[in-house]
Structures are given as C-alpha cells and as structure tokens.
Amino acid sequence: MAINLDNLFNSITKNSKMGDFQDLEHIDGLSISTTSANLYSKRRDDLVLFYFRKGANYASVYTQSKLISENIKWNLKINKKKIKAILINTRNANAFTGKEGFKGLKILADNLSEELTLKQKSDEEKPEKIDSNDILFACTGTIGEIFPADKIKKSIPDLINKIRYTQNKYIWMKAAMGILTTDLKPKLAMEECYIGNKIVKIYGIAKGSGMIFPNMATTLGFIFTDATISSTILKQLLKQNIKKTFNAISCDGDTSTNDMVSIFSTCEVSNLNLKSFKDKKLSQFNSSLFNVLLNLAKRVAADGEGASKFISIKVKNCKTEEDAKKICFSIANSPLVKTAIAGQDPNWGRIIMAIGKANVDLNPNKLSIKFGNITIIENGKLSSSYNEDEAAIYMKEEKIDLLVNLNIGKKEFTSYTMDLTKKYIEINSDYRT
C-alpha cells in the first residue's frame, strides 16, 4: 500500500518526519483500508475503512449538541454488542442533511455489507454474513452540504480491494491522514500493557483542529485494542477516561454536530476473564488507555487551526472539581487571553478577567497565578519578585503553562488549548472557498 509522501509531508506540516510519530504496528483481528472518493478538489485519501474479520466489541461516546449528524443518528440505532466495520469520510459532515443524508448511509451500509460478505466468503474458512447494521459511520467536514453517497459508493470496491490483514506504521499513517480536514498533522498514539500475564496493545488515531470544545466528545477519535474486553466494560472505561482527556481540550469554544470517540476490542488476546471495569487486573490497561486518550487529545489541541502555541491551564486547590473546570475553560475560551498569548504578551490582567467571569466562589486574597515557573500573583496581589521582561521572554515559548491556585480547597482540573492567531481567521473565513 503506497503512501503519498507529497500529501503527508508538505510545507504546512512544520517539518514533520515519520520518526516523530510512534511505531504503531499490527493488531490481530483488524484490517485497514484507505482510498480517495474524490470528495476534495485536490485528490487525497478521504475514505478510511476499519474492518474486523471476526467482529469487535465496541463502545462510543458522542456529541451532546442538540443538532447531531445523520451518521450519529445511524450509530445510535445500532444495538449490537459486536460490529464488523466502521467507515469514515471527510469533507462532508452529513449534518443537517435530513432524510436524504440518512438514506445515503443506508445505501452505503447495504453495499458495504454485501461486499464484505463476499470478502468473507473469499478469505474465511467459516465465512459470516455481514448485515448493514454491523457497520458504523463517522463523518467530518462541512455542515449542510448534500451527502455524496454516490461518490463514496463508487469507491467501495477499491476500499475492499485495498484491505490488508496486517498493518505497519505507514498504513496507520495513511489512516490517520485519511480522516484529516483542516488539521496540519496526523494524530497517532499507542501503549502496550499487561492484563494478568498477557501483553495487550492499545492503538489510537484522531482528528480535530477546529470546532473543538468538550461536550463529549470534541473531535473524532478511534481506539483499538486486541484485549478481550466486553462492550459493557469498554463503555465504562471510555466514559471514565474521557473526562480529563478529550473533555479537557478546547480550540475555539465550539462543539461539533459530529463529535465521537470510539473504542474497539478485537478479543484476539485471551486475557483473564474480566467482570467489572473496576477489576484490579485492569489497572494497567486503564492507565494505558488514559495515556493514549490524553496523548491524542493534546495533539488535537496543539494542532488547532492557526495555532502557534500549545497551552496547558491547571487550576488547583478549589472547593470542587467543577469549579476548577469552569475556571480552566473560562481562560481557555477567552479570545482576549488567547490573542494575548499569540502576541507573546504576558497580559496577566486578562487571566484575572477570565477567572472572575467564571462565576466561581473564591477568596481574592488567597489567589496565586504563575506563567511557567514565574510567579505573577501571590496572596491576591502582584508578587514582589515579578519581572515583566522575564515573563515576556517566557511568552515566546511554543508551550505555555498557566497555573491558577485558589488556595481554598483540594480539587483541581487541567485543560489544554491553543492561541488565537490571524491564521485562524484566514482558515475559517475561506473554509469553503
């Protein structure tokens, strides 16, 4: 499967190298295929198929927007514990497309299920019939445009032909590239861990650059493991770990109609029987899953549209975690804070403003604020050690850490975001043109 290096490493990828990404390799029970359905004016991979020969346990979390895409409506109607495939298209969100958009998915599901059934008969000793409701969909792109079901349907034979039963780093890279829209970089992450004495893999890819604000989820994310874990436990693990990962990022304060994060288990590793997501035998897996999700979430925030800086905001010693979260996102979603950071201006007054508008009980006389290791506010007033020139030098860094300490409790939260630059305006003012 050839990789389009021109598509992968062009001038806007900030000199990325293949070596910058983890070495995702093979997961038993999973097949990957990518192709172009010519959904863009410039040819590129825009369709990605993940196919599970023996089926996969799965769980998903979706956007809480009141206006959701047709593919999420489709997925919510699927009540099977195992699925056989998920098809992802870019360029078109299939949102606000009504009955025709949903009908397009039904046409694709019927066609893809027929083709995969033939694939089963060709390749499997005990072939299984694949039904249309064995297939999930993910769509991303422009809202309100007619869903290009015909174009996608014409590309399904090529997708089937390109199915590979083993993966390598290049194939994972193609998949990660194939789901991008305005992103500049593919987003991949991996961990290996033990369940009992069996080593298992957790691989993931994601996309997201704009219309990013946590309301579960905040982007598209797909996690794969070869562990044997039930759909029920997967759901509990995903909901638990999403809170401080994908639900801790914001690029622009806008929640998409299409957000979803899914996890799939191929059950190829015969690990110990697990009866609860709280089982101690899952402790390593739980920790590793969190790491993969956080890795991907941070990559989404760092690759926000027009971003020049990655910003982490930690708010600690609050009365409640919810208070800490409110302050985090009041800062993360403030255009004034984000533009000041883009301009490398240590304008701490804007941080004060954002804390104040979060509507959280606090004691101003106990408040402390740091930029990196530089103390700005201490015990509610400007620190005697604060040096504006030193802070201005720190603001030139690509990674900015903000710390807010309320000193009135024991709870904390950390969020991740990016700055707001002129490039963000350029990208979104001509997004469709």
Protein backbone atom coordinates (compact mmCIF):
# COMPACT_ATOMS: atom_id res chain seq x y z
CA MET A 1 0.00 0.00 0.00
CA ALA A 2 1.87 3.07 -1.25
CA ILE A 3 1.83 6.19 0.89
CA ASN A 4 1.52 9.61 -0.70
CA LEU A 5 4.52 11.37 0.76
CA ASP A 6 3.68 14.61 -1.04
CA ASN A 7 0.35 14.62 0.75
CA LEU A 8 1.95 13.75 4.09
CA PHE A 9 4.99 15.97 4.25
CA ASN A 10 4.23 19.27 2.58
CA SER A 11 5.22 22.77 3.59
CA ILE A 12 2.48 23.17 6.18
CA THR A 13 3.37 20.15 8.31
CA LYS A 14 6.02 22.13 10.18
CA ASN A 15 8.82 19.83 9.03
CA SER A 16 7.26 16.71 10.50
CA LYS A 17 9.18 13.49 10.00
CA MET A 18 7.88 9.94 10.07
CA GLY A 19 10.12 9.37 13.08
CA ASP A 20 8.17 12.00 15.04
CA PHE A 21 5.31 9.50 15.42
CA GLN A 22 5.07 6.30 17.45
CA ASP A 23 5.59 2.94 15.76
CA LEU A 24 2.06 1.59 15.54
CA GLU A 25 2.29 -1.86 14.01
CA HIS A 26 -0.12 -4.81 13.79
CA ILE A 27 -3.24 -5.59 15.81
CA ASP A 28 -4.76 -9.03 15.24
CA GLY A 29 -8.35 -9.00 14.06
CA LEU A 30 -8.18 -5.55 12.46
CA SER A 31 -7.84 -4.59 8.81
CA ILE A 32 -7.34 -1.09 7.42
CA SER A 33 -8.05 0.35 4.01
CA THR A 34 -7.92 3.90 2.61
CA THR A 35 -8.80 5.43 -0.73
CA SER A 36 -9.91 8.62 -2.47
CA ALA A 37 -13.55 9.14 -3.35
CA ASN A 38 -12.60 12.49 -4.91
CA LEU A 39 -14.51 14.38 -2.25
CA TYR A 40 -11.95 17.20 -2.45
CA SER A 41 -10.95 19.24 -5.50
CA LYS A 42 -7.41 18.04 -4.95
CA ARG A 43 -7.01 14.26 -4.90
CA ARG A 44 -6.22 12.81 -1.46
CA ASP A 45 -7.33 9.91 0.72
CA ASP A 46 -10.75 10.85 2.08
CA LEU A 47 -12.25 7.44 2.94
CA VAL A 48 -10.96 5.12 5.66
CA LEU A 49 -12.32 1.66 6.46
CA PHE A 50 -11.59 -0.27 9.65
CA TYR A 51 -12.76 -3.86 9.17
CA PHE A 52 -12.97 -6.53 11.88
CA ARG A 53 -12.96 -10.00 10.31
CA LYS A 54 -14.39 -11.69 13.40
CA GLY A 55 -16.22 -8.68 14.72
CA ALA A 56 -15.23 -6.36 17.55
CA ASN A 57 -16.72 -5.36 20.87
CA TYR A 58 -17.08 -1.60 20.95
CA ALA A 59 -18.25 1.50 22.78
CA SER A 60 -18.71 5.10 21.69
CA VAL A 61 -19.36 8.50 23.21
CA TYR A 62 -20.98 11.21 21.14
CA THR A 63 -21.52 14.96 20.99
CA GLN A 64 -24.14 16.46 23.29
CA SER A 65 -25.11 19.03 20.68
CA LYS A 66 -28.88 19.24 20.15
CA LEU A 67 -28.24 19.14 16.39
CA ILE A 68 -26.44 15.92 15.52
CA SER A 69 -25.21 14.48 12.23
CA GLU A 70 -27.00 11.70 10.38
CA ASN A 71 -24.16 9.24 11.00
CA ILE A 72 -24.55 9.65 14.76
CA LYS A 73 -28.29 9.05 14.38
CA TRP A 74 -27.40 5.88 12.46
CA ASN A 75 -24.89 4.72 15.07
CA LEU A 76 -27.33 5.31 17.93
CA LYS A 77 -29.78 2.92 16.26
CA ILE A 78 -27.19 0.11 16.24
CA ASN A 79 -27.79 -2.05 19.32
CA LYS A 80 -25.43 -4.94 18.59
CA LYS A 81 -22.65 -5.80 21.03
CA LYS A 82 -20.26 -6.50 18.15
CA ILE A 83 -19.75 -4.64 14.88
CA LYS A 84 -17.82 -5.59 11.75
CA ALA A 85 -16.67 -2.27 10.31
CA ILE A 86 -16.60 1.50 10.60
CA LEU A 87 -16.41 3.72 7.51
CA ILE A 88 -15.09 7.25 7.89
CA ASN A 89 -15.41 10.00 5.30
CA THR A 90 -14.02 13.52 5.32
CA ARG A 91 -15.06 16.72 3.52
CA ASN A 92 -18.78 16.24 4.31
CA ALA A 93 -20.28 16.19 7.81
CA ASN A 94 -23.63 14.71 6.72
CA ALA A 95 -25.21 17.06 9.24
CA PHE A 96 -28.44 18.95 8.64
CA THR A 97 -28.95 16.83 5.52
CA GLY A 98 -32.23 15.29 6.69
CA LYS A 99 -33.76 12.08 5.37
CA GLU A 100 -31.57 12.07 2.26
CA GLY A 101 -28.41 12.11 4.37
CA PHE A 102 -29.61 9.16 6.44
CA LYS A 103 -30.79 7.35 3.31
CA GLY A 104 -27.30 7.77 1.85
CA LEU A 105 -25.83 5.94 4.83
CA LYS A 106 -28.34 3.10 4.39
CA ILE A 107 -27.31 2.76 0.74
CA LEU A 108 -23.64 2.64 1.73
CA ALA A 109 -24.25 0.18 4.57
CA ASP A 110 -26.17 -2.16 2.29
CA ASN A 111 -23.48 -2.02 -0.37
CA LEU A 112 -20.54 -2.32 2.01
CA SER A 113 -22.12 -5.22 3.90
CA GLU A 114 -22.63 -7.11 0.61
CA GLU A 115 -19.03 -6.50 -0.46
CA LEU A 116 -17.65 -7.53 2.94
CA THR A 117 -19.80 -10.68 2.91
CA LEU A 118 -18.21 -11.61 -0.42
CA LYS A 119 -14.82 -10.86 1.13
CA GLN A 120 -15.67 -13.23 3.98
CA LYS A 121 -16.58 -15.98 1.52
CA SER A 122 -13.34 -15.45 -0.35
CA ASP A 123 -10.97 -15.30 2.64
CA GLU A 124 -12.51 -17.11 5.61
CA GLU A 125 -12.82 -20.83 6.39
CA LYS A 126 -16.10 -20.11 8.16
CA PRO A 127 -17.49 -17.04 6.42
CA GLU A 128 -20.18 -14.98 8.12
CA LYS A 129 -22.91 -12.88 6.56
CA ILE A 130 -22.40 -9.21 7.32
CA ASP A 131 -25.53 -7.09 7.71
CA SER A 132 -25.93 -3.37 7.18
CA ASN A 133 -26.42 -2.87 10.92
CA ASP A 134 -22.99 -4.39 11.54
CA ILE A 135 -21.47 -1.15 10.23
CA LEU A 136 -20.84 2.19 11.95
CA PHE A 137 -20.14 5.52 10.27
CA ALA A 138 -18.12 8.62 11.11
CA CYS A 139 -18.38 11.77 9.00
CA THR A 140 -16.45 15.03 9.23
CA GLY A 141 -16.34 18.18 7.15
CA THR A 142 -18.77 20.89 6.08
CA ILE A 143 -22.25 21.00 7.62
CA GLY A 144 -25.34 21.26 5.40
CA GLU A 145 -23.94 20.13 2.07
CA ILE A 146 -25.58 17.22 0.19
CA PHE A 147 -24.04 13.95 1.33
CA PRO A 148 -22.02 12.44 -1.57
CA ALA A 149 -23.29 8.85 -1.17
CA ASP A 150 -22.88 8.06 -4.87
CA LYS A 151 -19.22 9.10 -4.94
CA ILE A 152 -18.49 7.10 -1.82
CA LYS A 153 -20.37 4.03 -3.11
CA LYS A 154 -18.28 4.03 -6.30
CA SER A 155 -15.13 3.87 -4.16
CA ILE A 156 -16.20 0.91 -2.01
CA PRO A 157 -14.83 -1.75 -4.42
CA ASP A 158 -11.44 -0.05 -4.27
CA LEU A 159 -11.62 0.06 -0.46
CA ILE A 160 -12.40 -3.67 -0.37
CA ASN A 161 -9.57 -4.42 -2.80
CA LYS A 162 -7.10 -2.49 -0.64
CA ILE A 163 -7.96 -4.28 2.61
CA ARG A 164 -4.79 -5.52 4.27
CA TYR A 165 -4.85 -8.05 7.09
CA THR A 166 -1.59 -6.79 8.57
CA GLN A 167 -0.68 -3.23 9.42
CA ASN A 168 2.52 -1.25 9.74
CA LYS A 169 3.42 2.31 10.59
CA TYR A 170 2.79 3.54 7.03
CA ILE A 171 -0.70 2.06 6.90
CA TRP A 172 -1.59 3.62 10.25
CA MET A 173 -0.21 6.92 8.99
CA LYS A 174 -2.39 6.68 5.88
CA ALA A 175 -5.44 6.05 8.05
CA ALA A 176 -4.59 8.98 10.32
CA MET A 177 -4.07 11.19 7.27
CA GLY A 178 -7.25 10.00 5.59
CA ILE A 179 -9.51 11.35 8.36
CA LEU A 180 -7.98 14.85 8.50
CA THR A 181 -9.78 18.03 7.43
CA THR A 182 -8.07 21.31 8.35
CA ASP A 183 -5.55 19.51 10.57
CA LEU A 184 -1.90 20.01 9.71
CA LYS A 185 -0.63 16.81 11.27
CA PRO A 186 -1.83 13.21 11.66
CA LYS A 187 -2.51 12.21 15.26
CA LEU A 188 -1.48 8.76 16.45
CA ALA A 189 -0.73 7.24 19.85
CA MET A 190 -0.01 3.81 21.29
CA GLU A 191 0.62 1.96 24.54
CA GLU A 192 1.32 -1.65 25.47
CA CYS A 193 0.47 -3.08 28.86
CA TYR A 194 -0.45 -6.27 30.71
CA ILE A 195 -3.75 -7.78 31.70
CA GLY A 196 -2.64 -10.52 34.06
CA ASN A 197 0.35 -12.12 32.31
CA LYS A 198 -0.83 -11.28 28.77
CA ILE A 199 0.56 -8.27 26.92
CA VAL A 200 -2.04 -6.25 25.01
CA LYS A 201 -1.89 -3.32 22.61
CA ILE A 202 -3.84 -0.06 22.61
CA TYR A 203 -3.55 1.99 19.41
CA GLY A 204 -5.38 5.17 18.51
CA ILE A 205 -5.81 7.85 15.87
CA ALA A 206 -7.75 11.10 15.99
CA LYS A 207 -8.61 14.20 14.01
CA GLY A 208 -9.63 17.65 15.10
CA SER A 209 -8.44 21.19 14.57
CA GLY A 210 -11.46 23.48 14.63
CA MET A 211 -14.94 23.47 16.18
CA ILE A 212 -13.31 21.92 19.23
CA PHE A 213 -14.80 22.27 22.71
CA PRO A 214 -15.57 19.45 25.15
CA ASN A 215 -19.14 18.37 25.31
CA MET A 216 -18.36 14.72 24.60
CA ALA A 217 -16.68 14.31 22.52
CA THR A 218 -14.71 17.10 20.87
CA THR A 219 -13.43 15.54 17.69
CA LEU A 220 -13.17 12.12 16.04
CA GLY A 221 -11.11 9.51 17.87
CA PHE A 222 -10.75 5.78 17.23
CA ILE A 223 -9.06 3.46 19.72
CA PHE A 224 -8.22 -0.19 19.03
CA THR A 225 -7.10 -2.98 21.33
CA ASP A 226 -6.53 -6.72 20.91
CA ALA A 227 -7.57 -7.37 24.52
CA THR A 228 -10.67 -9.40 25.32
CA ILE A 229 -12.96 -6.88 26.98
CA SER A 230 -16.75 -6.76 26.83
CA SER A 231 -18.61 -3.84 25.26
CA THR A 232 -20.11 -3.01 28.66
CA ILE A 233 -16.69 -2.65 30.30
CA LEU A 234 -15.33 -0.75 27.30
CA LYS A 235 -18.16 1.76 27.67
CA GLN A 236 -17.42 2.27 31.37
CA LEU A 237 -13.67 2.65 30.77
CA LEU A 238 -14.22 5.13 27.95
CA LYS A 239 -16.66 7.29 29.91
CA GLN A 240 -14.33 7.30 32.90
CA ASN A 241 -11.21 8.28 30.95
CA ILE A 242 -12.78 10.77 28.58
CA LYS A 243 -13.40 13.35 31.32
CA LYS A 244 -9.81 14.52 31.70
CA THR A 245 -8.65 13.81 28.16
CA PHE A 246 -10.93 14.66 25.24
CA ASN A 247 -13.25 16.52 27.60
CA ALA A 248 -10.33 18.66 28.77
CA ILE A 249 -9.47 20.36 25.47
CA SER A 250 -10.76 23.39 23.63
CA CYS A 251 -9.57 25.13 20.49
CA ASP A 252 -12.30 27.68 19.84
CA GLY A 253 -15.20 27.02 22.21
CA ASP A 254 -17.44 25.45 19.55
CA THR A 255 -18.91 21.93 19.84
CA SER A 256 -19.39 19.97 16.62
CA THR A 257 -22.51 18.16 15.43
CA ASN A 258 -20.35 15.11 14.62
CA ASP A 259 -18.14 14.51 17.63
CA MET A 260 -17.46 10.89 18.54
CA VAL A 261 -14.79 8.80 20.19
CA SER A 262 -15.00 5.02 19.84
CA ILE A 263 -13.03 2.08 21.21
CA PHE A 264 -12.91 -1.35 19.59
CA SER A 265 -11.72 -4.65 21.06
CA THR A 266 -10.84 -7.47 18.65
CA CYS A 267 -10.62 -10.00 21.53
CA GLU A 268 -7.61 -11.73 19.92
CA VAL A 269 -5.64 -11.89 23.18
CA SER A 270 -7.07 -14.43 25.61
CA ASN A 271 -6.50 -12.45 28.78
CA LEU A 272 -8.10 -13.16 32.15
CA ASN A 273 -11.88 -13.04 32.42
CA LEU A 274 -12.98 -9.54 33.44
CA LYS A 275 -16.29 -8.99 35.18
CA SER A 276 -16.07 -5.29 36.08
CA PHE A 277 -14.27 -2.17 34.88
CA LYS A 278 -13.07 -1.80 38.48
CA ASP A 279 -11.29 -5.18 38.34
CA LYS A 280 -7.73 -4.75 39.65
CA LYS A 281 -6.45 -6.79 36.70
CA LEU A 282 -7.49 -3.83 34.50
CA SER A 283 -5.41 -1.25 36.35
CA GLN A 284 -2.56 -1.21 33.81
CA PHE A 285 -4.97 -1.22 30.88
CA ASN A 286 -6.99 1.62 32.40
CA SER A 287 -3.86 3.71 32.91
CA SER A 288 -2.59 2.98 29.39
CA LEU A 289 -5.96 3.82 27.84
CA PHE A 290 -5.91 7.15 29.66
CA ASN A 291 -2.42 7.84 28.30
CA VAL A 292 -3.48 7.11 24.71
CA LEU A 293 -6.57 9.31 25.00
CA LEU A 294 -4.63 12.16 26.63
CA ASN A 295 -1.85 11.91 24.04
CA LEU A 296 -4.38 12.20 21.21
CA ALA A 297 -6.35 14.97 22.93
CA LYS A 298 -3.22 17.06 23.43
CA ARG A 299 -2.28 16.56 19.77
CA VAL A 300 -5.70 17.88 18.76
CA ALA A 301 -5.29 20.99 20.93
CA ALA A 302 -1.72 21.59 19.76
CA ASP A 303 -2.81 21.33 16.12
CA GLY A 304 -5.73 23.74 16.48
CA GLU A 305 -6.45 25.88 13.46
CA GLY A 306 -3.76 28.52 13.08
CA ALA A 307 -2.12 27.57 16.39
CA SER A 308 1.40 28.76 17.16
CA LYS A 309 1.37 27.78 20.84
CA PHE A 310 0.13 24.86 22.94
CA ILE A 311 -1.30 25.99 26.27
CA SER A 312 -1.98 23.96 29.40
CA ILE A 313 -4.08 25.53 32.14
CA LYS A 314 -4.07 23.98 35.59
CA VAL A 315 -6.42 25.26 38.28
CA LYS A 316 -5.84 23.72 41.69
CA ASN A 317 -6.90 23.86 45.32
CA CYS A 318 -10.56 24.61 44.52
CA LYS A 319 -13.61 23.62 46.53
CA THR A 320 -14.88 21.36 43.72
CA GLU A 321 -13.51 19.87 40.51
CA GLU A 322 -16.38 21.54 38.65
CA ASP A 323 -15.21 24.96 39.90
CA ALA A 324 -11.69 24.21 38.70
CA LYS A 325 -13.06 23.11 35.32
CA LYS A 326 -15.15 26.28 34.95
CA ILE A 327 -12.11 28.48 35.53
CA CYS A 328 -9.97 26.37 33.19
CA PHE A 329 -12.37 26.82 30.30
CA SER A 330 -13.14 30.44 31.10
CA ILE A 331 -9.44 31.05 30.47
CA ALA A 332 -9.09 28.56 27.60
CA ASN A 333 -12.05 30.00 25.68
CA SER A 334 -11.28 33.68 26.21
CA PRO A 335 -10.38 35.36 22.88
CA LEU A 336 -8.58 38.09 24.86
CA VAL A 337 -6.38 35.58 26.69
CA LYS A 338 -5.70 33.57 23.54
CA THR A 339 -4.80 36.62 21.41
CA ALA A 340 -2.51 37.99 24.13
CA ILE A 341 -0.63 34.68 24.19
CA ALA A 342 -0.47 34.68 20.38
CA GLY A 343 1.08 38.15 20.61
CA GLN A 344 3.54 36.91 23.26
CA ASP A 345 2.15 39.46 25.70
CA PRO A 346 2.19 38.47 29.41
CA ASN A 347 -1.05 40.38 29.98
CA TRP A 348 -1.99 38.71 33.25
CA GLY A 349 -4.90 41.11 33.69
CA ARG A 350 -6.78 39.04 31.10
CA ILE A 351 -6.25 35.93 33.22
CA ILE A 352 -7.75 37.80 36.18
CA MET A 353 -10.70 38.78 34.00
CA ALA A 354 -11.29 35.20 32.88
CA ILE A 355 -11.13 33.87 36.45
CA GLY A 356 -13.61 36.47 37.62
CA LYS A 357 -16.20 35.79 34.92
CA ALA A 358 -16.23 32.04 35.65
CA ASN A 359 -18.75 32.70 38.45
CA VAL A 360 -16.91 30.55 40.98
CA ASP A 361 -16.69 31.32 44.71
CA LEU A 362 -13.14 32.33 45.65
CA ASN A 363 -11.13 34.44 48.08
CA PRO A 364 -9.23 37.12 46.12
CA ASN A 365 -6.69 37.44 48.95
CA LYS A 366 -5.63 33.79 48.50
CA LEU A 367 -5.33 33.77 44.72
CA SER A 368 -2.00 32.94 43.08
CA ILE A 369 -1.08 32.82 39.35
CA LYS A 370 2.02 31.53 37.57
CA PHE A 371 3.26 31.58 33.99
CA GLY A 372 5.56 28.55 33.94
CA ASN A 373 7.82 28.97 36.96
CA ILE A 374 7.25 32.72 37.08
CA THR A 375 5.07 33.83 39.99
CA ILE A 376 2.86 36.74 38.98
CA ILE A 377 0.11 36.94 41.60
CA GLU A 378 0.75 35.80 45.15
CA ASN A 379 -1.76 36.01 48.00
CA GLY A 380 -4.05 38.18 45.93
CA LYS A 381 -1.54 40.80 44.81
CA LEU A 382 1.29 41.29 42.35
CA SER A 383 4.33 39.35 43.52
CA SER A 384 7.31 41.43 44.62
CA SER A 385 9.53 39.09 42.56
CA TYR A 386 7.56 39.56 39.32
CA ASN A 387 9.63 40.75 36.37
CA GLU A 388 7.69 41.71 33.23
CA ASP A 389 10.73 41.29 30.98
CA GLU A 390 11.28 37.75 32.25
CA ALA A 391 7.61 36.95 31.61
CA ALA A 392 7.81 38.40 28.09
CA ILE A 393 10.73 36.07 27.31
CA TYR A 394 8.73 33.09 28.60
CA MET A 395 5.80 34.01 26.36
CA LYS A 396 7.98 33.41 23.31
CA GLU A 397 7.98 29.66 24.07
CA GLU A 398 5.82 27.32 21.95
CA LYS A 399 4.47 25.60 25.07
CA ILE A 400 2.86 27.83 27.69
CA ASP A 401 1.85 26.54 31.15
CA LEU A 402 -0.59 28.60 33.23
CA LEU A 403 -1.18 27.75 36.89
CA VAL A 404 -4.03 29.22 38.93
CA ASN A 405 -4.14 28.40 42.64
CA LEU A 406 -7.30 29.33 44.56
CA ASN A 407 -5.91 28.01 47.89
CA ILE A 408 -9.39 27.29 49.27
CA GLY A 409 -9.79 23.52 48.74
CA LYS A 410 -8.20 20.35 47.39
CA LYS A 411 -9.77 19.79 43.94
CA GLU A 412 -8.14 20.53 40.58
CA PHE A 413 -8.55 20.27 36.82
CA THR A 414 -6.25 20.76 33.83
CA SER A 415 -7.36 21.85 30.37
CA TYR A 416 -5.46 22.18 27.10
CA THR A 417 -5.87 24.74 24.35
CA MET A 418 -4.05 26.86 21.75
CA ASP A 419 -3.61 30.51 20.97
CA LEU A 420 -5.81 32.53 18.60
CA THR A 421 -3.89 33.88 15.64
CA LYS A 422 -4.59 35.73 12.38
CA LYS A 423 -4.16 32.37 10.66
CA TYR A 424 -7.26 31.05 12.48
CA ILE A 425 -9.31 33.85 10.91
CA GLU A 426 -7.83 33.17 7.48
CA ILE A 427 -8.60 29.43 7.68
CA ASN A 428 -12.19 29.93 8.77
CA SER A 429 -13.03 32.91 6.58
CA ASP A 430 -12.26 30.96 3.41
CA TYR A 431 -13.01 27.42 4.70
CA ARG A 432 -15.50 26.67 1.90
CA THR A 433 -13.90 28.78 -0.83
